[in-house]
């Protein structure tokens, strides 16, 4: 296992990053279908029992953006503004 550093979550707890890579995630679409998206720069943090998603990192990715609509959150393609989830 490698040591890629640490990060701190909102409550101040620090966790070790044991790897960085690309993951594929299947997400549900508004029409009921599913789509696989590629998440680059994902951090592997074994002590976390939940997956966290960084809104700023998605928005800075170049091709995706996060949109908040009331209590809903959607991920859309930047160029076409097509909602992916």
Protein backbone atom coordinates (compact mmCIF):
# COMPACT_ATOMS: atom_id res chain seq x y z
CA UNK A 1 0.00 0.00 0.00
CA UNK A 2 1.31 3.46 -0.76
CA UNK A 3 0.99 6.64 1.30
CA UNK A 4 -0.35 9.55 -0.76
CA UNK A 5 -0.70 11.96 2.15
CA UNK A 6 -3.65 12.99 4.27
CA UNK A 7 -6.81 15.04 4.05
CA UNK A 8 -9.08 16.61 6.65
CA UNK A 9 -12.86 16.30 6.60
CA UNK A 10 -15.31 18.98 7.78
CA UNK A 11 -15.34 17.81 11.41
CA UNK A 12 -11.55 18.11 11.65
CA UNK A 13 -10.69 14.41 11.47
CA UNK A 14 -7.59 13.62 9.40
CA UNK A 15 -7.44 10.46 7.27
CA UNK A 16 -4.59 8.83 5.35
CA UNK A 17 -4.86 8.65 1.56
CA UNK A 18 -3.55 5.24 0.51
CA UNK A 19 -3.98 5.59 -3.25
CA UNK A 20 -5.15 7.82 -6.09
CA UNK A 21 -6.76 6.56 -9.27
CA UNK A 22 -9.68 6.47 -11.67
CA UNK A 23 -12.96 4.73 -10.84
CA UNK A 24 -16.06 3.98 -12.88
CA UNK A 25 -19.37 4.67 -11.15
CA UNK A 26 -22.81 3.64 -12.41
CA UNK A 27 -25.35 6.39 -11.78
CA UNK A 28 -29.12 6.49 -12.28
CA UNK A 29 -30.45 8.92 -14.89
CA UNK A 30 -33.67 10.93 -14.51
CA UNK A 31 -35.30 8.73 -17.20
CA UNK A 32 -34.72 5.56 -15.15
CA UNK A 33 -31.75 4.32 -17.21
CA UNK A 34 -28.19 4.10 -15.90
CA UNK A 35 -24.89 5.49 -17.14
CA UNK A 36 -21.28 4.83 -16.21
CA UNK A 37 -19.17 7.88 -15.46
CA UNK A 38 -15.41 8.03 -14.98
CA UNK A 39 -14.15 9.80 -11.87
CA UNK A 40 -10.47 10.68 -12.14
CA UNK A 41 -8.28 11.54 -9.19
CA UNK A 42 -10.38 9.47 -6.79
CA UNK A 43 -8.76 9.02 -3.39
CA UNK A 44 -8.60 5.60 -1.72
CA UNK A 45 -9.08 6.13 2.02
CA UNK A 46 -9.63 2.73 3.69
CA UNK A 47 -10.76 4.16 7.04
CA UNK A 48 -13.75 5.95 5.46
CA UNK A 49 -16.94 3.89 5.60
CA UNK A 50 -18.75 6.23 3.17
CA UNK A 51 -17.87 7.61 -0.25
CA UNK A 52 -17.44 11.37 -0.48
CA UNK A 53 -17.88 13.42 -3.63
CA UNK A 54 -16.09 16.75 -4.02
CA UNK A 55 -18.34 19.28 -5.76
CA UNK A 56 -15.45 21.69 -6.49
CA UNK A 57 -13.38 18.84 -7.98
CA UNK A 58 -16.24 17.83 -10.29
CA UNK A 59 -16.80 21.44 -11.36
CA UNK A 60 -13.06 21.83 -12.08
CA UNK A 61 -12.91 18.57 -14.07
CA UNK A 62 -13.57 20.41 -17.33
CA UNK A 63 -16.49 18.35 -18.63
CA UNK A 64 -18.96 18.01 -15.74
CA UNK A 65 -20.72 20.44 -13.42
CA UNK A 66 -22.86 20.07 -10.32
CA UNK A 67 -26.25 21.80 -10.23
CA UNK A 68 -28.29 22.27 -7.04
CA UNK A 69 -32.05 22.63 -7.36
CA UNK A 70 -33.71 22.93 -3.97
CA UNK A 71 -32.91 19.71 -2.13
CA UNK A 72 -31.85 17.93 -5.35
CA UNK A 73 -28.35 17.71 -6.80
CA UNK A 74 -27.63 16.86 -10.44
CA UNK A 75 -24.45 16.26 -12.41
CA UNK A 76 -24.58 17.64 -15.96
CA UNK A 77 -22.30 17.80 -18.98
CA UNK A 78 -20.82 21.31 -19.21
CA UNK A 79 -21.00 21.64 -22.99
CA UNK A 80 -24.50 20.32 -23.64
CA UNK A 81 -25.95 20.99 -20.16
CA UNK A 82 -27.48 17.49 -20.41
CA UNK A 83 -28.28 16.21 -16.92
CA UNK A 84 -26.57 12.91 -16.18
CA UNK A 85 -27.96 12.27 -12.71
